[in-house]
Protein backbone atom coordinates (compact mmCIF):
# COMPACT_ATOMS: atom_id res chain seq x y z
CA MET A 1 14.85 39.24 30.97
CA THR A 2 13.47 36.72 33.45
CA PHE A 3 13.25 33.10 32.36
CA LYS A 4 11.15 30.34 33.88
CA THR A 5 12.72 27.90 36.31
CA ILE A 6 12.66 24.14 35.78
CA ASP A 7 9.91 23.88 38.43
CA GLU A 8 7.80 26.47 36.58
CA LEU A 9 8.38 24.65 33.29
CA ASN A 10 7.52 21.28 34.86
CA ALA A 11 4.22 22.75 36.04
CA GLU A 12 3.31 23.17 32.35
CA LEU A 13 3.89 19.48 31.50
CA PRO A 14 0.26 18.32 32.02
CA HIS A 15 -0.93 20.94 29.51
CA ILE A 16 1.85 20.04 27.06
CA ARG A 17 1.10 16.30 27.34
CA ASP A 18 -2.59 17.01 26.71
CA ALA A 19 -1.94 18.16 23.12
CA THR A 20 -3.81 16.47 20.30
CA LYS A 21 -2.38 13.13 19.16
CA ASP A 22 -3.46 12.56 15.54
CA ALA A 23 -3.68 15.98 13.92
CA GLY A 24 -2.52 19.41 14.98
CA GLU A 25 -3.20 22.91 13.78
CA ILE A 26 -0.25 24.60 12.08
CA HIS A 27 0.21 28.04 13.65
CA LYS A 28 3.41 29.30 11.99
CA LEU A 29 5.48 28.47 8.93
CA CYS A 30 9.05 29.67 8.53
CA TYR A 31 12.09 29.23 6.37
CA ARG A 32 15.60 30.51 6.99
CA PRO A 33 17.18 32.07 3.87
CA GLY A 34 20.44 32.77 5.72
CA PHE A 35 22.02 32.87 9.15
CA ARG A 36 19.96 34.88 11.65
CA LYS A 37 17.29 35.41 9.00
CA ARG A 38 13.73 34.13 9.16
CA GLU A 39 10.87 34.51 6.75
CA PHE A 40 7.41 33.84 8.19
CA VAL A 41 5.04 32.89 5.40
CA ASP A 42 1.53 31.57 4.82
CA GLU A 43 2.73 28.72 2.57
CA LEU A 44 5.88 26.64 2.09
CA SER A 45 7.00 24.23 -0.62
CA LEU A 46 8.68 21.05 0.61
CA SER A 47 10.73 18.72 -1.58
CA VAL A 48 12.69 15.52 -1.14
CA ALA A 49 15.69 17.03 -2.94
CA ASP A 50 15.76 20.50 -1.39
CA GLY A 51 13.88 20.30 1.92
CA VAL A 52 12.09 23.60 2.52
CA LYS A 53 12.23 25.83 -0.57
CA GLY A 54 14.41 28.85 0.16
CA ASP A 55 15.83 27.45 3.42
CA ARG A 56 19.57 27.35 4.07
CA TRP A 57 19.47 23.65 5.12
CA LYS A 58 20.99 22.24 1.93
CA GLU A 59 24.03 24.53 2.03
CA TYR A 60 24.45 24.91 5.78
CA GLY A 61 22.79 21.97 7.52
CA TRP A 62 24.42 21.28 10.89
CA LEU A 63 24.29 17.50 10.34
CA LYS A 64 26.19 16.10 7.35
CA LEU A 65 26.31 12.79 5.53
CA PRO A 66 29.70 11.06 5.02
CA ASP A 67 29.99 12.71 1.58
CA GLY A 68 29.63 16.18 3.17
CA SER A 69 26.12 16.88 1.94
CA ALA A 70 23.32 17.96 4.27
CA ASP A 71 21.60 15.11 6.11
CA PRO A 72 17.95 14.95 4.95
CA ARG A 73 16.84 13.80 8.42
CA ILE A 74 16.93 17.46 9.52
CA GLN A 75 15.15 19.10 6.56
CA VAL A 76 12.07 20.08 8.59
CA CYS A 77 11.88 21.10 12.26
CA ILE A 78 8.53 21.10 14.04
CA LEU A 79 8.16 22.72 17.45
CA PRO A 80 5.15 21.98 19.69
CA LYS A 81 3.15 25.18 20.16
CA ARG A 82 2.47 24.44 23.82
CA VAL A 83 6.19 24.27 24.57
CA LEU A 84 6.79 27.53 22.71
CA ASP A 85 3.93 29.17 24.61
CA CYS A 86 5.57 27.98 27.82
CA VAL A 87 9.03 29.45 27.13
CA TRP A 88 8.52 32.40 24.77
CA GLN A 89 7.45 35.75 26.13
CA GLU A 90 5.27 37.81 23.78
CA GLY A 91 6.71 41.26 23.27
CA GLY A 92 10.07 40.34 24.75
CA GLU A 93 13.43 41.05 23.18
CA VAL A 94 13.90 37.40 22.24
CA GLU A 95 13.59 36.42 18.60
CA TYR A 96 10.83 34.08 17.52
CA PRO A 97 12.38 30.67 16.70
CA GLY A 98 13.07 29.67 13.11
CA ASP A 99 11.41 26.25 13.20
CA THR A 100 9.75 25.23 9.93
CA MET A 101 6.40 24.68 11.65
CA ILE A 102 4.85 25.51 14.99
CA VAL A 103 2.11 22.93 15.57
CA ASP A 104 -0.26 22.20 18.43
CA MET A 105 0.40 18.46 18.61
CA ASP A 106 2.01 15.85 20.88
CA MET A 107 5.55 15.32 19.56
CA SER A 108 6.51 12.61 22.07
CA GLU A 109 8.29 9.40 21.04
CA ALA A 110 5.24 7.46 22.21
CA ASN A 111 2.96 9.39 19.87
CA LEU A 112 5.31 9.95 16.92
CA PRO A 113 8.08 7.33 16.92
CA ALA A 114 10.86 7.62 14.33
CA GLY A 115 9.52 6.52 10.96
CA THR A 116 6.02 7.93 11.53
CA GLN A 117 4.75 9.68 8.43
CA LEU A 118 2.84 12.93 8.61
CA GLN A 119 0.73 14.71 6.01
CA ALA A 120 1.56 18.42 5.83
CA GLY A 121 -0.72 19.89 3.17
CA SER A 122 0.08 17.93 0.01
CA ALA A 123 3.56 16.98 1.28
CA ILE A 124 4.46 13.94 3.34
CA ILE A 125 7.25 14.09 5.88
CA GLU A 126 8.73 11.41 8.13
CA VAL A 127 9.87 11.71 11.74
CA SER A 128 13.62 11.09 11.88
CA ASP A 129 15.67 9.39 14.55
CA VAL A 130 17.71 12.55 15.21
CA PHE A 131 16.98 14.04 18.64
CA ASN A 132 16.55 17.81 18.78
CA ASP A 133 18.33 18.68 22.02
CA ALA A 134 18.05 22.47 21.79
CA CYS A 135 21.15 24.33 20.73
CA THR A 136 22.91 27.08 22.60
CA LYS A 137 20.67 29.60 20.80
CA TRP A 138 17.71 28.04 22.65
CA SER A 139 19.47 28.75 25.97
CA ALA A 140 20.14 32.34 24.95
CA ARG A 141 16.53 32.89 23.87
CA TYR A 142 14.63 31.00 26.57
CA GLY A 143 17.09 30.48 29.40
CA LYS A 144 19.63 27.89 30.43
CA GLN A 145 17.08 26.12 32.63
CA SER A 146 14.76 25.74 29.65
CA ARG A 147 17.46 23.84 27.77
CA GLU A 148 18.25 21.75 30.85
CA TRP A 149 14.51 21.01 31.19
CA ILE A 150 14.38 19.67 27.63
CA LYS A 151 17.38 17.41 28.28
CA LEU A 152 16.20 15.97 31.62
CA PRO A 153 16.15 12.15 31.25
CA GLU A 154 12.45 11.99 32.10
CA ASN A 155 11.66 14.68 29.51
CA VAL A 156 13.77 13.40 26.60
CA PRO A 157 10.99 11.00 25.43
CA LEU A 158 8.57 13.96 25.34
CA ARG A 159 10.68 15.69 22.66
CA LEU A 160 9.90 19.09 24.12
CA ARG A 161 12.21 20.82 21.62
CA GLY A 162 10.24 19.21 18.81
CA ILE A 163 10.93 16.76 16.05
CA LEU A 164 13.19 16.71 13.03
CA CYS A 165 11.82 15.27 9.80
CA LEU A 166 12.75 14.44 6.23
CA VAL A 167 10.54 15.08 3.24
CA VAL A 168 9.36 11.86 1.55
CA LYS A 169 6.82 13.37 -0.89
CA ASP A 170 7.01 16.81 -2.46
CA GLY A 171 4.16 19.20 -1.79
CA ASP A 172 2.98 22.48 -0.32
CA VAL A 173 1.81 23.27 3.19
CA LYS A 174 -0.25 26.27 4.36
CA ILE A 175 -0.94 27.72 7.76
CA SER A 176 -4.60 26.75 7.33
CA ASP A 177 -3.57 23.06 7.06
CA CYS A 178 -3.33 20.55 9.89
CA LEU A 179 -0.39 18.27 10.41
CA GLN A 180 -1.95 14.80 10.22
CA LYS A 181 -0.51 11.50 11.42
CA LEU A 182 -0.78 8.84 8.69
């Protein structure tokens, strides 16, 4: 499989930066019931206590609190659709990512600083201060240069890998909903 170079990815930045600022269409919803498992659905339930209903976050979250429980700041992961379109090749052998939401919206620090609340259907989520730096699975799926591109100092504020959020008000979100900045 051929992956894009950093120069090819950088050429996409004007289009990525041009994403909507206040509300974005939700294109995909997903939860992960187990390792290497993804369920793509039309609706998800979000809760303060459990994150995404059916997701493995509570039992297997990669970020823990001092007491060993899952850190709520990583309950929901939102990937910008324009970044995914840039790195993912339709029909390729690479798995579709397991992000909670794929949304066509500007995820930059300037547009959505930590603490920003977002309406997702009837749920409210809050942008956390945890940076999503793209794990090694991202490199395997979309190429090493794609991960390096995300972590370039000039690109870090753009949050190209997306944002991590915590649920602050229980509710349901559907693909037909928009993610709305409050």
